[in-house]
Amino acid sequence: MEKQCLDCEKPVRGRIDKKFCDDQCRSNYNNRLKSKNPDIVNFINSILKNNRKILEKLNPDGKTKLLKSKLLQAGFNFGFHTHIYETQKGLMYIFCYEYGYLALEKDWYLLVKRNEI
């Protein structure tokens, strides 16, 4: 049985694991897959990237303490993050990629950067 190109469905010749007849078909196929991302995925990704950028900008030294109002003023969205890290003492760090924060008392936050990712 002859394999067919995943894009144009013409016969594929060459290596046994080959999926496309040429580079153009491979590009067309992958671009079509990427364009099927729902708008919600793109929307959430833009929020996460913006949150990361804000944390990076407000925390140039890798560890900074500041008020919640500074984060909000910069446009930080507390509803979105990539993961949570819980310490052995039960402290919950919220992260946007390698940049994170720990809620302290009286609206203070400790901003951190994890280098070992």
N, C-alpha and C. Protein backbone atom coordinates (compact mmCIF):
# COMPACT_ATOMS: atom_id res chain seq x y z
N MET A 1 0.84 -1.19 0.00
CA MET A 1 0.00 0.00 0.00
C MET A 1 0.88 1.25 0.00
N GLU A 2 0.60 2.16 -0.88
CA GLU A 2 1.38 3.38 -1.02
C GLU A 2 0.85 4.46 -0.09
N LYS A 3 1.77 5.14 0.61
CA LYS A 3 1.36 6.20 1.53
C LYS A 3 0.98 7.44 0.75
N GLN A 4 0.06 8.24 1.34
CA GLN A 4 -0.36 9.49 0.71
C GLN A 4 0.09 10.67 1.55
N CYS A 5 0.39 11.77 0.88
CA CYS A 5 0.77 13.02 1.53
C CYS A 5 -0.38 13.48 2.42
N LEU A 6 -0.06 13.90 3.64
CA LEU A 6 -1.10 14.36 4.56
C LEU A 6 -1.75 15.66 4.13
N ASP A 7 -1.10 16.39 3.22
CA ASP A 7 -1.66 17.66 2.76
C ASP A 7 -2.41 17.52 1.44
N CYS A 8 -1.73 17.08 0.40
CA CYS A 8 -2.34 17.05 -0.93
C CYS A 8 -2.85 15.67 -1.33
N GLU A 9 -2.55 14.65 -0.54
CA GLU A 9 -2.97 13.27 -0.75
C GLU A 9 -2.38 12.61 -2.00
N LYS A 10 -1.32 13.19 -2.55
CA LYS A 10 -0.59 12.54 -3.65
C LYS A 10 0.30 11.45 -3.04
N PRO A 11 0.73 10.49 -3.84
CA PRO A 11 1.61 9.43 -3.33
C PRO A 11 2.93 10.01 -2.80
N VAL A 12 3.40 9.44 -1.69
CA VAL A 12 4.66 9.87 -1.08
C VAL A 12 5.71 8.81 -1.38
N ARG A 13 6.85 9.28 -1.91
CA ARG A 13 7.95 8.38 -2.24
C ARG A 13 9.15 8.75 -1.38
N GLY A 14 9.95 7.74 -1.06
CA GLY A 14 11.16 8.00 -0.27
C GLY A 14 11.16 7.19 1.01
N ARG A 15 11.65 7.80 2.05
CA ARG A 15 11.78 7.11 3.34
C ARG A 15 10.45 6.53 3.80
N ILE A 16 10.55 5.49 4.58
CA ILE A 16 9.34 4.80 5.07
C ILE A 16 8.52 5.67 6.02
N ASP A 17 9.18 6.59 6.75
CA ASP A 17 8.48 7.44 7.71
C ASP A 17 8.09 8.80 7.15
N LYS A 18 8.28 9.00 5.86
CA LYS A 18 7.97 10.27 5.22
C LYS A 18 6.45 10.47 5.17
N LYS A 19 5.99 11.70 5.51
CA LYS A 19 4.55 11.97 5.57
C LYS A 19 4.06 12.95 4.50
N PHE A 20 4.98 13.69 3.91
CA PHE A 20 4.62 14.72 2.94
C PHE A 20 5.43 14.54 1.67
N CYS A 21 4.87 14.98 0.55
CA CYS A 21 5.57 14.82 -0.71
C CYS A 21 6.67 15.87 -0.90
N ASP A 22 6.51 17.05 -0.25
CA ASP A 22 7.56 18.07 -0.33
C ASP A 22 7.42 19.05 0.85
N ASP A 23 8.36 19.99 0.91
CA ASP A 23 8.37 20.96 2.02
C ASP A 23 7.15 21.87 2.01
N GLN A 24 6.66 22.21 0.83
CA GLN A 24 5.48 23.08 0.73
C GLN A 24 4.26 22.42 1.37
N CYS A 25 4.06 21.15 1.11
CA CYS A 25 2.93 20.42 1.70
C CYS A 25 3.09 20.32 3.22
N ARG A 26 4.32 20.08 3.68
CA ARG A 26 4.57 20.01 5.12
C ARG A 26 4.23 21.34 5.78
N SER A 27 4.65 22.45 5.17
CA SER A 27 4.35 23.78 5.69
C SER A 27 2.85 24.06 5.68
N ASN A 28 2.19 23.76 4.57
CA ASN A 28 0.74 23.97 4.46
C ASN A 28 0.00 23.22 5.56
N TYR A 29 0.36 21.96 5.75
CA TYR A 29 -0.30 21.12 6.74
C TYR A 29 -0.11 21.68 8.16
N ASN A 30 1.12 22.01 8.51
CA ASN A 30 1.40 22.53 9.86
C ASN A 30 0.78 23.90 10.09
N ASN A 31 0.78 24.75 9.08
CA ASN A 31 0.13 26.06 9.21
C ASN A 31 -1.38 25.91 9.42
N ARG A 32 -1.97 24.96 8.73
CA ARG A 32 -3.40 24.71 8.89
C ARG A 32 -3.71 24.22 10.31
N LEU A 33 -2.87 23.36 10.86
CA LEU A 33 -3.06 22.88 12.23
C LEU A 33 -2.96 24.03 13.23
N LYS A 34 -1.97 24.90 13.04
CA LYS A 34 -1.78 26.02 13.97
C LYS A 34 -2.94 27.01 13.91
N SER A 35 -3.52 27.17 12.75
CA SER A 35 -4.61 28.14 12.61
C SER A 35 -5.90 27.65 13.26
N LYS A 36 -5.95 26.38 13.64
CA LYS A 36 -7.15 25.83 14.28
C LYS A 36 -7.17 26.09 15.78
N ASN A 37 -6.10 26.72 16.32
CA ASN A 37 -6.11 27.05 17.75
C ASN A 37 -7.30 27.95 18.03
N PRO A 38 -8.10 27.58 19.00
CA PRO A 38 -9.24 28.44 19.34
C PRO A 38 -8.76 29.81 19.82
N ASP A 39 -9.60 30.80 19.64
CA ASP A 39 -9.26 32.15 20.06
C ASP A 39 -8.96 32.21 21.56
N ILE A 40 -9.62 31.35 22.35
CA ILE A 40 -9.41 31.37 23.79
C ILE A 40 -7.97 31.00 24.14
N VAL A 41 -7.37 30.09 23.39
CA VAL A 41 -5.98 29.70 23.65
C VAL A 41 -5.06 30.89 23.40
N ASN A 42 -5.26 31.57 22.30
CA ASN A 42 -4.44 32.74 22.00
C ASN A 42 -4.65 33.84 23.03
N PHE A 43 -5.88 34.02 23.48
CA PHE A 43 -6.19 35.03 24.49
C PHE A 43 -5.47 34.72 25.80
N ILE A 44 -5.55 33.47 26.25
CA ILE A 44 -4.90 33.08 27.51
C ILE A 44 -3.38 33.17 27.39
N ASN A 45 -2.84 32.75 26.27
CA ASN A 45 -1.39 32.85 26.07
C ASN A 45 -0.92 34.29 26.12
N SER A 46 -1.70 35.21 25.57
CA SER A 46 -1.29 36.62 25.61
C SER A 46 -1.32 37.16 27.04
N ILE A 47 -2.27 36.73 27.86
CA ILE A 47 -2.32 37.15 29.26
C ILE A 47 -1.11 36.59 30.01
N LEU A 48 -0.80 35.32 29.80
CA LEU A 48 0.34 34.70 30.48
C LEU A 48 1.65 35.39 30.09
N LYS A 49 1.81 35.68 28.82
CA LYS A 49 3.03 36.37 28.36
C LYS A 49 3.12 37.76 28.97
N ASN A 50 1.99 38.45 29.06
CA ASN A 50 1.99 39.79 29.65
C ASN A 50 2.32 39.71 31.14
N ASN A 51 1.73 38.75 31.85
CA ASN A 51 2.04 38.56 33.27
C ASN A 51 3.53 38.29 33.47
N ARG A 52 4.11 37.44 32.63
CA ARG A 52 5.54 37.14 32.74
C ARG A 52 6.38 38.39 32.51
N LYS A 53 6.00 39.16 31.50
CA LYS A 53 6.74 40.38 31.18
C LYS A 53 6.70 41.37 32.35
N ILE A 54 5.56 41.47 32.98
CA ILE A 54 5.41 42.37 34.14
C ILE A 54 6.27 41.91 35.30
N LEU A 55 6.22 40.61 35.60
CA LEU A 55 7.04 40.07 36.69
C LEU A 55 8.53 40.25 36.40
N GLU A 56 8.92 40.05 35.17
CA GLU A 56 10.32 40.23 34.78
C GLU A 56 10.76 41.68 34.96
N LYS A 57 9.91 42.59 34.54
CA LYS A 57 10.25 44.01 34.63
C LYS A 57 10.31 44.49 36.08
N LEU A 58 9.38 44.05 36.91
CA LEU A 58 9.34 44.51 38.30
C LEU A 58 10.31 43.76 39.21
N ASN A 59 10.94 42.72 38.69
CA ASN A 59 11.85 41.91 39.49
C ASN A 59 13.18 41.71 38.77
N PRO A 60 13.94 42.78 38.52
CA PRO A 60 15.17 42.66 37.74
C PRO A 60 16.29 41.90 38.47
N ASP A 61 16.24 41.86 39.80
CA ASP A 61 17.31 41.22 40.56
C ASP A 61 17.00 39.78 40.96
N GLY A 62 15.82 39.28 40.62
CA GLY A 62 15.48 37.91 40.93
C GLY A 62 14.73 37.72 42.24
N LYS A 63 14.68 38.76 43.06
CA LYS A 63 13.94 38.68 44.32
C LYS A 63 13.61 40.11 44.75
N THR A 64 12.31 40.42 44.80
CA THR A 64 11.86 41.78 45.11
C THR A 64 10.58 41.71 45.92
N LYS A 65 10.41 42.65 46.82
CA LYS A 65 9.19 42.75 47.61
C LYS A 65 8.47 44.03 47.21
N LEU A 66 7.18 43.93 46.90
CA LEU A 66 6.42 45.12 46.53
C LEU A 66 4.95 44.95 46.85
N LEU A 67 4.22 46.04 46.77
CA LEU A 67 2.78 46.03 47.06
C LEU A 67 1.98 45.51 45.87
N LYS A 68 0.85 44.90 46.17
CA LYS A 68 -0.05 44.37 45.15
C LYS A 68 -0.47 45.47 44.18
N SER A 69 -0.64 46.68 44.68
CA SER A 69 -1.08 47.79 43.83
C SER A 69 -0.10 48.05 42.68
N LYS A 70 1.20 47.80 42.89
CA LYS A 70 2.19 47.98 41.82
C LYS A 70 1.95 46.97 40.69
N LEU A 71 1.63 45.74 41.08
CA LEU A 71 1.35 44.72 40.07
C LEU A 71 0.07 45.05 39.30
N LEU A 72 -0.95 45.45 40.02
CA LEU A 72 -2.21 45.81 39.37
C LEU A 72 -2.05 47.02 38.47
N GLN A 73 -1.30 47.99 38.92
CA GLN A 73 -1.05 49.20 38.13
C GLN A 73 -0.33 48.86 36.82
N ALA A 74 0.54 47.86 36.87
CA ALA A 74 1.28 47.45 35.66
C ALA A 74 0.41 46.61 34.73
N GLY A 75 -0.78 46.19 35.20
CA GLY A 75 -1.68 45.40 34.36
C GLY A 75 -1.64 43.91 34.62
N PHE A 76 -1.05 43.50 35.74
CA PHE A 76 -0.95 42.09 36.08
C PHE A 76 -2.34 41.50 36.32
N ASN A 77 -2.57 40.29 35.79
CA ASN A 77 -3.85 39.60 35.94
C ASN A 77 -3.64 38.39 36.85
N PHE A 78 -4.12 38.47 38.09
CA PHE A 78 -3.91 37.42 39.08
C PHE A 78 -4.70 36.14 38.78
N GLY A 79 -5.59 36.18 37.82
CA GLY A 79 -6.41 35.02 37.49
C GLY A 79 -5.72 34.00 36.60
N PHE A 80 -4.52 34.30 36.11
CA PHE A 80 -3.84 33.41 35.18
C PHE A 80 -2.41 33.17 35.61
N HIS A 81 -2.01 31.89 35.60
CA HIS A 81 -0.64 31.50 35.93
C HIS A 81 -0.36 30.15 35.27
N THR A 82 0.92 29.77 35.26
CA THR A 82 1.28 28.50 34.62
C THR A 82 1.33 27.35 35.61
N HIS A 83 1.78 27.62 36.83
CA HIS A 83 1.85 26.54 37.81
C HIS A 83 2.01 27.09 39.22
N ILE A 84 1.87 26.19 40.20
CA ILE A 84 2.00 26.54 41.61
C ILE A 84 3.09 25.66 42.21
N TYR A 85 3.93 26.26 43.04
CA TYR A 85 4.97 25.51 43.74
C TYR A 85 4.72 25.63 45.24
N GLU A 86 4.57 24.48 45.90
CA GLU A 86 4.35 24.47 47.35
C GLU A 86 5.63 24.03 48.04
N THR A 87 6.10 24.85 48.99
CA THR A 87 7.31 24.51 49.73
C THR A 87 7.00 23.49 50.81
N GLN A 88 8.03 22.96 51.43
CA GLN A 88 7.85 22.00 52.52
C GLN A 88 7.13 22.64 53.71
N LYS A 89 7.25 23.97 53.83
CA LYS A 89 6.58 24.69 54.91
C LYS A 89 5.14 25.04 54.56
N GLY A 90 4.70 24.69 53.37
CA GLY A 90 3.32 24.95 52.96
C GLY A 90 3.10 26.29 52.29
N LEU A 91 4.16 27.03 51.97
CA LEU A 91 4.02 28.31 51.27
C LEU A 91 3.71 28.03 49.79
N MET A 92 2.79 28.81 49.23
CA MET A 92 2.36 28.60 47.85
C MET A 92 2.88 29.73 46.96
N TYR A 93 3.84 29.40 46.10
CA TYR A 93 4.36 30.34 45.11
C TYR A 93 3.56 30.13 43.83
N ILE A 94 3.09 31.21 43.25
CA ILE A 94 2.35 31.17 41.98
C ILE A 94 3.30 31.63 40.88
N PHE A 95 3.38 30.87 39.79
CA PHE A 95 4.34 31.17 38.73
C PHE A 95 3.68 31.43 37.38
N CYS A 96 4.31 32.33 36.64
CA CYS A 96 4.08 32.53 35.20
C CYS A 96 5.42 32.19 34.57
N TYR A 97 5.55 30.97 34.13
CA TYR A 97 6.80 30.43 33.61
C TYR A 97 7.84 30.46 34.73
N GLU A 98 8.98 31.10 34.56
CA GLU A 98 10.01 31.06 35.60
C GLU A 98 9.89 32.18 36.62
N TYR A 99 8.98 33.11 36.42
CA TYR A 99 8.77 34.22 37.35
C TYR A 99 7.55 33.93 38.22
N GLY A 100 7.69 34.17 39.52
CA GLY A 100 6.59 33.88 40.42
C GLY A 100 6.46 34.88 41.53
N TYR A 101 5.47 34.64 42.38
CA TYR A 101 5.23 35.52 43.52
C TYR A 101 4.65 34.73 44.68
N LEU A 102 4.86 35.27 45.84
CA LEU A 102 4.32 34.72 47.08
C LEU A 102 3.55 35.83 47.76
N ALA A 103 2.29 35.58 48.07
CA ALA A 103 1.48 36.58 48.78
C ALA A 103 1.96 36.63 50.24
N LEU A 104 2.29 37.83 50.69
CA LEU A 104 2.69 38.06 52.07
C LEU A 104 1.53 38.75 52.78
N GLU A 105 1.76 39.28 53.94
CA GLU A 105 0.69 39.97 54.67
C GLU A 105 0.55 41.41 54.22
N LYS A 106 -0.64 41.96 54.45
CA LYS A 106 -0.96 43.36 54.17
C LYS A 106 -0.70 43.77 52.72
N ASP A 107 -1.12 42.94 51.77
CA ASP A 107 -1.01 43.24 50.33
C ASP A 107 0.43 43.34 49.82
N TRP A 108 1.38 42.79 50.52
CA TRP A 108 2.76 42.73 50.04
C TRP A 108 2.97 41.41 49.32
N TYR A 109 3.82 41.45 48.30
CA TYR A 109 4.15 40.26 47.52
C TYR A 109 5.66 40.15 47.38
N LEU A 110 6.14 38.93 47.46
CA LEU A 110 7.55 38.65 47.20
C LEU A 110 7.64 38.09 45.79
N LEU A 111 8.36 38.79 44.91
CA LEU A 111 8.57 38.32 43.54
C LEU A 111 9.86 37.53 43.49
N VAL A 112 9.84 36.40 42.79
CA VAL A 112 11.01 35.55 42.68
C VAL A 112 11.21 35.09 41.24
N LYS A 113 12.41 34.58 40.98
CA LYS A 113 12.70 33.98 39.68
C LYS A 113 13.37 32.64 39.95
N ARG A 114 12.84 31.59 39.32
CA ARG A 114 13.45 30.25 39.43
C ARG A 114 14.41 30.08 38.27
N ASN A 115 15.65 29.79 38.60
CA ASN A 115 16.66 29.61 37.56
C ASN A 115 16.86 28.15 37.17
N GLU A 116 16.38 27.22 37.99
CA GLU A 116 16.66 25.81 37.76
C GLU A 116 15.62 25.09 36.92
N ILE A 117 14.85 25.82 36.11
CA ILE A 117 13.83 25.18 35.27
C ILE A 117 14.50 24.54 34.08
